[in-house]
Amino acid sequence: MHAINISDARKNLPHLISEIAASRNEVLITRHGRPIARLIAYEPDKSTQNKYPLRGLEFQVEGDFDEPMPDMWDAMKL
């Protein structure tokens, strides 16, 4: 973990964030030599990662998706 002055952090924030995301190291932000904040990489919550395992996957629908299934028509005939 290295320290950086808040004014330097403001000037270089995009670069600083890219560095933290790549290295996963923490950065201590200081004001007048005193620590005021700690900038760390985001860690996603492990419990929600598998909540939607198929999200983002591509799929293909065969035939006419809106057409009712044949046995459905039989069930509707009373």
PDB file of N, CA and C in Angstrom:
ATOM      1  N   MET A   1       0.852  -1.171   0.000  1.00  0.00           N
ATOM      2  CA  MET A   1       0.000   0.000   0.000  1.00  0.00           C
ATOM      3  C   MET A   1       0.896   1.232   0.000  1.00  0.00           C
ATOM      4  N   HIS A   2       0.587   2.157  -0.888  1.00  0.00           N
ATOM      5  CA  HIS A   2       1.343   3.402  -0.889  1.00  0.00           C
ATOM      6  C   HIS A   2       0.398   4.577  -0.634  1.00  0.00           C
ATOM      7  N   ALA A   3       0.964   5.676  -0.237  1.00  0.00           N
ATOM      8  CA  ALA A   3       0.186   6.863   0.117  1.00  0.00           C
ATOM      9  C   ALA A   3       0.301   7.906  -0.978  1.00  0.00           C
ATOM     10  N   ILE A   4      -0.770   8.684  -1.131  1.00  0.00           N
ATOM     11  CA  ILE A   4      -0.789   9.765  -2.108  1.00  0.00           C
ATOM     12  C   ILE A   4      -1.565  10.938  -1.508  1.00  0.00           C
ATOM     13  N   ASN A   5      -1.104  12.136  -1.773  1.00  0.00           N
ATOM     14  CA  ASN A   5      -1.761  13.335  -1.289  1.00  0.00           C
ATOM     15  C   ASN A   5      -3.089  13.501  -2.014  1.00  0.00           C
ATOM     16  N   ILE A   6      -4.086  14.050  -1.342  1.00  0.00           N
ATOM     17  CA  ILE A   6      -5.423  14.176  -1.922  1.00  0.00           C
ATOM     18  C   ILE A   6      -5.423  15.032  -3.190  1.00  0.00           C
ATOM     19  N   SER A   7      -4.605  16.068  -3.252  1.00  0.00           N
ATOM     20  CA  SER A   7      -4.574  16.906  -4.467  1.00  0.00           C
ATOM     21  C   SER A   7      -3.997  16.124  -5.643  1.00  0.00           C
ATOM     22  N   ASP A   8      -2.998  15.273  -5.397  1.00  0.00           N
ATOM     23  CA  ASP A   8      -2.460  14.424  -6.460  1.00  0.00           C
ATOM     24  C   ASP A   8      -3.474  13.348  -6.863  1.00  0.00           C
ATOM     25  N   ALA A   9      -4.217  12.853  -5.897  1.00  0.00           N
ATOM     26  CA  ALA A   9      -5.245  11.851  -6.187  1.00  0.00           C
ATOM     27  C   ALA A   9      -6.330  12.442  -7.082  1.00  0.00           C
ATOM     28  N   ARG A  10      -6.722  13.676  -6.827  1.00  0.00           N
ATOM     29  CA  ARG A  10      -7.732  14.350  -7.666  1.00  0.00           C
ATOM     30  C   ARG A  10      -7.247  14.493  -9.103  1.00  0.00           C
ATOM     31  N   LYS A  11      -5.996  14.892  -9.256  1.00  0.00           N
ATOM     32  CA  LYS A  11      -5.433  15.109 -10.594  1.00  0.00           C
ATOM     33  C   LYS A  11      -5.305  13.808 -11.378  1.00  0.00           C
ATOM     34  N   ASN A  12      -4.991  12.724 -10.686  1.00  0.00           N
ATOM     35  CA  ASN A  12      -4.673  11.461 -11.353  1.00  0.00           C
ATOM     36  C   ASN A  12      -5.671  10.352 -11.063  1.00  0.00           C
ATOM     37  N   LEU A  13      -6.908  10.694 -10.732  1.00  0.00           N
ATOM     38  CA  LEU A  13      -7.874   9.683 -10.313  1.00  0.00           C
ATOM     39  C   LEU A  13      -8.107   8.572 -11.343  1.00  0.00           C
ATOM     40  N   PRO A  14      -8.317   8.868 -12.630  1.00  0.00           N
ATOM     41  CA  PRO A  14      -8.518   7.767 -13.579  1.00  0.00           C
ATOM     42  C   PRO A  14      -7.323   6.807 -13.632  1.00  0.00           C
ATOM     43  N   HIS A  15      -6.120   7.357 -13.646  1.00  0.00           N
ATOM     44  CA  HIS A  15      -4.920   6.519 -13.666  1.00  0.00           C
ATOM     45  C   HIS A  15      -4.796   5.728 -12.364  1.00  0.00           C
ATOM     46  N   LEU A  16      -5.094   6.365 -11.255  1.00  0.00           N
ATOM     47  CA  LEU A  16      -5.019   5.725  -9.945  1.00  0.00           C
ATOM     48  C   LEU A  16      -6.004   4.562  -9.850  1.00  0.00           C
ATOM     49  N   ILE A  17      -7.203   4.748 -10.331  1.00  0.00           N
ATOM     50  CA  ILE A  17      -8.208   3.679 -10.308  1.00  0.00           C
ATOM     51  C   ILE A  17      -7.784   2.522 -11.202  1.00  0.00           C
ATOM     52  N   SER A  18      -7.253   2.805 -12.375  1.00  0.00           N
ATOM     53  CA  SER A  18      -6.772   1.741 -13.263  1.00  0.00           C
ATOM     54  C   SER A  18      -5.653   0.941 -12.605  1.00  0.00           C
ATOM     55  N   GLU A  19      -4.772   1.635 -11.931  1.00  0.00           N
ATOM     56  CA  GLU A  19      -3.660   0.974 -11.242  1.00  0.00           C
ATOM     57  C   GLU A  19      -4.163   0.063 -10.121  1.00  0.00           C
ATOM     58  N   ILE A  20      -5.123   0.543  -9.355  1.00  0.00           N
ATOM     59  CA  ILE A  20      -5.675  -0.259  -8.258  1.00  0.00           C
ATOM     60  C   ILE A  20      -6.431  -1.465  -8.796  1.00  0.00           C
ATOM     61  N   ALA A  21      -7.189  -1.281  -9.855  1.00  0.00           N
ATOM     62  CA  ALA A  21      -7.932  -2.396 -10.442  1.00  0.00           C
ATOM     63  C   ALA A  21      -6.994  -3.470 -10.974  1.00  0.00           C
ATOM     64  N   ALA A  22      -5.874  -3.073 -11.545  1.00  0.00           N
ATOM     65  CA  ALA A  22      -4.931  -4.036 -12.116  1.00  0.00           C
ATOM     66  C   ALA A  22      -4.092  -4.729 -11.050  1.00  0.00           C
ATOM     67  N   SER A  23      -3.630  -3.968 -10.073  1.00  0.00           N
ATOM     68  CA  SER A  23      -2.703  -4.541  -9.084  1.00  0.00           C
ATOM     69  C   SER A  23      -3.405  -5.076  -7.842  1.00  0.00           C
ATOM     70  N   ARG A  24      -4.665  -4.660  -7.615  1.00  0.00           N
ATOM     71  CA  ARG A  24      -5.431  -5.039  -6.421  1.00  0.00           C
ATOM     72  C   ARG A  24      -4.779  -4.532  -5.138  1.00  0.00           C
ATOM     73  N   ASN A  25      -3.865  -3.551  -5.236  1.00  0.00           N
ATOM     74  CA  ASN A  25      -3.230  -2.956  -4.065  1.00  0.00           C
ATOM     75  C   ASN A  25      -4.064  -1.788  -3.564  1.00  0.00           C
ATOM     76  N   GLU A  26      -3.935  -1.497  -2.297  1.00  0.00           N
ATOM     77  CA  GLU A  26      -4.632  -0.370  -1.693  1.00  0.00           C
ATOM     78  C   GLU A  26      -3.798   0.902  -1.826  1.00  0.00           C
ATOM     79  N   VAL A  27      -4.483   2.045  -1.834  1.00  0.00           N
ATOM     80  CA  VAL A  27      -3.816   3.341  -1.840  1.00  0.00           C
ATOM     81  C   VAL A  27      -4.383   4.153  -0.682  1.00  0.00           C
ATOM     82  N   LEU A  28      -3.511   4.697   0.121  1.00  0.00           N
ATOM     83  CA  LEU A  28      -3.896   5.539   1.238  1.00  0.00           C
ATOM     84  C   LEU A  28      -3.876   6.985   0.774  1.00  0.00           C
ATOM     85  N   ILE A  29      -4.991   7.682   0.941  1.00  0.00           N
ATOM     86  CA  ILE A  29      -5.076   9.083   0.551  1.00  0.00           C
ATOM     87  C   ILE A  29      -4.876   9.922   1.805  1.00  0.00           C
ATOM     88  N   THR A  30      -3.980  10.896   1.689  1.00  0.00           N
ATOM     89  CA  THR A  30      -3.629  11.718   2.852  1.00  0.00           C
ATOM     90  C   THR A  30      -3.926  13.192   2.601  1.00  0.00           C
ATOM     91  N   ARG A  31      -4.102  13.913   3.688  1.00  0.00           N
ATOM     92  CA  ARG A  31      -4.230  15.373   3.635  1.00  0.00           C
ATOM     93  C   ARG A  31      -3.297  15.911   4.710  1.00  0.00           C
ATOM     94  N   HIS A  32      -2.359  16.731   4.299  1.00  0.00           N
ATOM     95  CA  HIS A  32      -1.351  17.280   5.210  1.00  0.00           C
ATOM     96  C   HIS A  32      -0.603  16.162   5.941  1.00  0.00           C
ATOM     97  N   GLY A  33      -0.363  15.050   5.239  1.00  0.00           N
ATOM     98  CA  GLY A  33       0.400  13.946   5.801  1.00  0.00           C
ATOM     99  C   GLY A  33      -0.389  13.007   6.695  1.00  0.00           C
ATOM    100  N   ARG A  34      -1.671  13.290   6.903  1.00  0.00           N
ATOM    101  CA  ARG A  34      -2.506  12.436   7.752  1.00  0.00           C
ATOM    102  C   ARG A  34      -3.447  11.608   6.885  1.00  0.00           C
ATOM    103  N   PRO A  35      -3.606  10.339   7.173  1.00  0.00           N
ATOM    104  CA  PRO A  35      -4.518   9.494   6.389  1.00  0.00           C
ATOM    105  C   PRO A  35      -5.967   9.953   6.541  1.00  0.00           C
ATOM    106  N   ILE A  36      -6.680  10.047   5.415  1.00  0.00           N
ATOM    107  CA  ILE A  36      -8.098  10.422   5.458  1.00  0.00           C
ATOM    108  C   ILE A  36      -8.988   9.401   4.761  1.00  0.00           C
ATOM    109  N   ALA A  37      -8.407   8.602   3.863  1.00  0.00           N
ATOM    110  CA  ALA A  37      -9.216   7.620   3.135  1.00  0.00           C
ATOM    111  C   ALA A  37      -8.315   6.508   2.612  1.00  0.00           C
ATOM    112  N   ARG A  38      -8.952   5.403   2.312  1.00  0.00           N
ATOM    113  CA  ARG A  38      -8.237   4.264   1.733  1.00  0.00           C
ATOM    114  C   ARG A  38      -9.004   3.846   0.478  1.00  0.00           C
ATOM    115  N   LEU A  39      -8.332   3.778  -0.644  1.00  0.00           N
ATOM    116  CA  LEU A  39      -8.932   3.403  -1.913  1.00  0.00           C
ATOM    117  C   LEU A  39      -8.551   1.959  -2.199  1.00  0.00           C
ATOM    118  N   ILE A  40      -9.569   1.102  -2.361  1.00  0.00           N
ATOM    119  CA  ILE A  40      -9.326  -0.323  -2.594  1.00  0.00           C
ATOM    120  C   ILE A  40     -10.106  -0.783  -3.814  1.00  0.00           C
ATOM    121  N   ALA A  41      -9.692  -1.913  -4.375  1.00  0.00           N
ATOM    122  CA  ALA A  41     -10.384  -2.490  -5.530  1.00  0.00           C
ATOM    123  C   ALA A  41     -11.709  -3.101  -5.076  1.00  0.00           C
ATOM    124  N   TYR A  42     -12.698  -3.038  -5.924  1.00  0.00           N
ATOM    125  CA  TYR A  42     -14.017  -3.599  -5.637  1.00  0.00           C
ATOM    126  C   TYR A  42     -13.966  -5.118  -5.710  1.00  0.00           C
ATOM    127  N   GLU A  43     -14.533  -5.762  -4.719  1.00  0.00           N
ATOM    128  CA  GLU A  43     -14.654  -7.220  -4.702  1.00  0.00           C
ATOM    129  C   GLU A  43     -16.142  -7.547  -4.725  1.00  0.00           C
ATOM    130  N   PRO A  44     -16.630  -8.196  -5.774  1.00  0.00           N
ATOM    131  CA  PRO A  44     -18.060  -8.517  -5.824  1.00  0.00           C
ATOM    132  C   PRO A  44     -18.432  -9.511  -4.731  1.00  0.00           C
ATOM    133  N   ASP A  45     -19.659  -9.408  -4.265  1.00  0.00           N
ATOM    134  CA  ASP A  45     -20.169 -10.292  -3.233  1.00  0.00           C
ATOM    135  C   ASP A  45     -20.297 -11.700  -3.807  1.00  0.00           C
ATOM    136  N   LYS A  46     -19.669 -12.657  -3.188  1.00  0.00           N
ATOM    137  CA  LYS A  46     -19.658 -14.034  -3.680  1.00  0.00           C
ATOM    138  C   LYS A  46     -21.049 -14.666  -3.646  1.00  0.00           C
ATOM    139  N   SER A  47     -21.914 -14.250  -2.730  1.00  0.00           N
ATOM    140  CA  SER A  47     -23.230 -14.875  -2.594  1.00  0.00           C
ATOM    141  C   SER A  47     -24.151 -14.545  -3.768  1.00  0.00           C
ATOM    142  N   THR A  48     -23.942 -13.411  -4.442  1.00  0.00           N
ATOM    143  CA  THR A  48     -24.821 -13.044  -5.556  1.00  0.00           C
ATOM    144  C   THR A  48     -24.245 -13.429  -6.913  1.00  0.00           C
ATOM    145  N   GLN A  49     -23.022 -13.891  -6.965  1.00  0.00           N
ATOM    146  CA  GLN A  49     -22.422 -14.217  -8.255  1.00  0.00           C
ATOM    147  C   GLN A  49     -23.130 -15.380  -8.935  1.00  0.00           C
ATOM    148  N   ASN A  50     -23.565 -16.375  -8.201  1.00  0.00           N
ATOM    149  CA  ASN A  50     -24.201 -17.542  -8.793  1.00  0.00           C
ATOM    150  C   ASN A  50     -25.716 -17.470  -8.747  1.00  0.00           C
ATOM    151  N   LYS A  51     -26.265 -16.320  -8.417  1.00  0.00           N
ATOM    152  CA  LYS A  51     -27.708 -16.176  -8.315  1.00  0.00           C
ATOM    153  C   LYS A  51     -28.379 -16.333  -9.682  1.00  0.00           C
ATOM    154  N   TYR A  52     -27.737 -15.859 -10.722  1.00  0.00           N
ATOM    155  CA  TYR A  52     -28.266 -15.960 -12.084  1.00  0.00           C
ATOM    156  C   TYR A  52     -27.184 -16.572 -12.979  1.00  0.00           C
ATOM    157  N   PRO A  53     -26.979 -17.880 -12.915  1.00  0.00           N
ATOM    158  CA  PRO A  53     -25.860 -18.491 -13.637  1.00  0.00           C
ATOM    159  C   PRO A  53     -25.976 -18.428 -15.157  1.00  0.00           C
ATOM    160  N   LEU A  54     -27.185 -18.256 -15.673  1.00  0.00           N
ATOM    161  CA  LEU A  54     -27.364 -18.229 -17.131  1.00  0.00           C
ATOM    162  C   LEU A  54     -27.380 -16.816 -17.705  1.00  0.00           C
ATOM    163  N   ARG A  55     -27.285 -15.810 -16.840  1.00  0.00           N
ATOM    164  CA  ARG A  55     -27.313 -14.423 -17.303  1.00  0.00           C
ATOM    165  C   ARG A  55     -26.136 -14.171 -18.244  1.00  0.00           C
ATOM    166  N   GLY A  56     -26.440 -13.580 -19.376  1.00  0.00           N
ATOM    167  CA  GLY A  56     -25.401 -13.228 -20.325  1.00  0.00           C
ATOM    168  C   GLY A  56     -25.133 -14.296 -21.378  1.00  0.00           C
ATOM    169  N   LEU A  57     -25.683 -15.497 -21.189  1.00  0.00           N
ATOM    170  CA  LEU A  57     -25.474 -16.553 -22.175  1.00  0.00           C
ATOM    171  C   LEU A  57     -26.447 -16.388 -23.337  1.00  0.00           C
ATOM    172  N   GLU A  58     -25.993 -16.747 -24.509  1.00  0.00           N
ATOM    173  CA  GLU A  58     -26.855 -16.673 -25.685  1.00  0.00           C
ATOM    174  C   GLU A  58     -27.647 -17.962 -25.811  1.00  0.00           C
ATOM    175  N   PHE A  59     -28.857 -17.848 -26.358  1.00  0.00           N
ATOM    176  CA  PHE A  59     -29.669 -19.032 -26.609  1.00  0.00           C
ATOM    177  C   PHE A  59     -30.425 -18.840 -27.908  1.00  0.00           C
ATOM    178  N   GLN A  60     -30.901 -19.946 -28.449  1.00  0.00           N
ATOM    179  CA  GLN A  60     -31.618 -19.904 -29.712  1.00  0.00           C
ATOM    180  C   GLN A  60     -32.957 -20.591 -29.524  1.00  0.00           C
ATOM    181  N   VAL A  61     -34.027 -19.951 -30.001  1.00  0.00           N
ATOM    182  CA  VAL A  61     -35.365 -20.502 -29.897  1.00  0.00           C
ATOM    183  C   VAL A  61     -35.697 -21.163 -31.226  1.00  0.00           C
ATOM    184  N   GLU A  62     -36.076 -22.426 -31.168  1.00  0.00           N
ATOM    185  CA  GLU A  62     -36.422 -23.172 -32.372  1.00  0.00           C
ATOM    186  C   GLU A  62     -37.915 -23.023 -32.657  1.00  0.00           C
ATOM    187  N   GLY A  63     -38.271 -22.945 -33.932  1.00  0.00           N
ATOM    188  CA  GLY A  63     -39.669 -22.892 -34.330  1.00  0.00           C
ATOM    189  C   GLY A  63     -40.339 -21.592 -33.954  1.00  0.00           C
ATOM    190  N   ASP A  64     -41.670 -21.648 -33.895  1.00  0.00           N
ATOM    191  CA  ASP A  64     -42.462 -20.474 -33.560  1.00  0.00           C
ATOM    192  C   ASP A  64     -42.635 -20.421 -32.045  1.00  0.00           C
ATOM    193  N   PHE A  65     -42.008 -19.490 -31.442  1.00  0.00           N
ATOM    194  CA  PHE A  65     -41.996 -19.388 -29.988  1.00  0.00           C
ATOM    195  C   PHE A  65     -43.388 -19.094 -29.423  1.00  0.00           C
ATOM    196  N   ASP A  66     -44.189 -18.322 -30.141  1.00  0.00           N
ATOM    197  CA  ASP A  66     -45.501 -17.902 -29.645  1.00  0.00           C
ATOM    198  C   ASP A  66     -46.598 -18.933 -29.879  1.00  0.00           C
ATOM    199  N   GLU A  67     -46.338 -19.937 -30.674  1.00  0.00           N
ATOM    200  CA  GLU A  67     -47.372 -20.919 -31.003  1.00  0.00           C
ATOM    201  C   GLU A  67     -47.634 -21.833 -29.802  1.00  0.00           C
ATOM    202  N   PRO A  68     -48.924 -22.005 -29.430  1.00  0.00           N
ATOM    203  CA  PRO A  68     -49.230 -22.894 -28.292  1.00  0.00           C
ATOM    204  C   PRO A  68     -48.836 -24.337 -28.607  1.00  0.00           C
ATOM    205  N   MET A  69     -48.540 -25.091 -27.582  1.00  0.00           N
ATOM    206  CA  MET A  69     -48.186 -26.500 -27.765  1.00  0.00           C
ATOM    207  C   MET A  69     -49.440 -27.288 -28.124  1.00  0.00           C
ATOM    208  N   PRO A  70     -49.295 -28.339 -28.943  1.00  0.00           N
ATOM    209  CA  PRO A  70     -50.475 -29.090 -29.408  1.00  0.00           C
ATOM    210  C   PRO A  70     -51.316 -29.655 -28.267  1.00  0.00           C
ATOM    211  N   ASP A  71     -50.721 -30.204 -27.229  1.00  0.00           N
ATOM    212  CA  ASP A  71     -51.511 -30.787 -26.149  1.00  0.00           C
ATOM    213  C   ASP A  71     -52.282 -29.728 -25.375  1.00  0.00           C
ATOM    214  N   MET A  72     -51.881 -28.487 -25.497  1.00  0.00           N
ATOM    215  CA  MET A  72     -52.594 -27.405 -24.847  1.00  0.00           C
ATOM    216  C   MET A  72     -53.962 -27.217 -25.491  1.00  0.00           C
ATOM    217  N   TRP A  73     -54.022 -27.347 -26.823  1.00  0.00           N
ATOM    218  CA  TRP A  73     -55.315 -27.225 -27.522  1.00  0.00           C
ATOM    219  C   TRP A  73     -56.246 -28.357 -27.128  1.00  0.00           C
ATOM    220  N   ASP A  74     -55.701 -29.558 -26.958  1.00  0.00           N
ATOM    221  CA  ASP A  74     -56.525 -30.699 -26.555  1.00  0.00           C
ATOM    222  C   ASP A  74     -57.104 -30.482 -25.157  1.00  0.00           C
ATOM    223  N   ALA A  75     -56.332 -29.910 -24.299  1.00  0.00           N
ATOM    224  CA  ALA A  75     -56.799 -29.665 -22.926  1.00  0.00           C
ATOM    225  C   ALA A  75     -57.894 -28.602 -22.902  1.00  0.00           C
ATOM    226  N   MET A  76     -57.872 -27.715 -23.884  1.00  0.00           N
ATOM    227  CA  MET A  76     -58.869 -26.637 -23.907  1.00  0.00           C
ATOM    228  C   MET A  76     -60.195 -27.096 -24.500  1.00  0.00           C
ATOM    229  N   LYS A  77     -60.215 -28.218 -25.196  1.00  0.00           N
ATOM    230  CA  LYS A  77     -61.473 -28.737 -25.783  1.00  0.00           C
ATOM    231  C   LYS A  77     -62.225 -29.479 -24.696  1.00  0.00           C
ATOM    232  N   LEU A  78     -63.345 -28.987 -24.326  1.00  0.00           N
ATOM    233  CA  LEU A  78     -64.150 -29.637 -23.281  1.00  0.00           C
ATOM    234  C   LEU A  78     -65.431 -30.168 -23.823  1.00  0.00           C
TER     235      LEU A  78
END
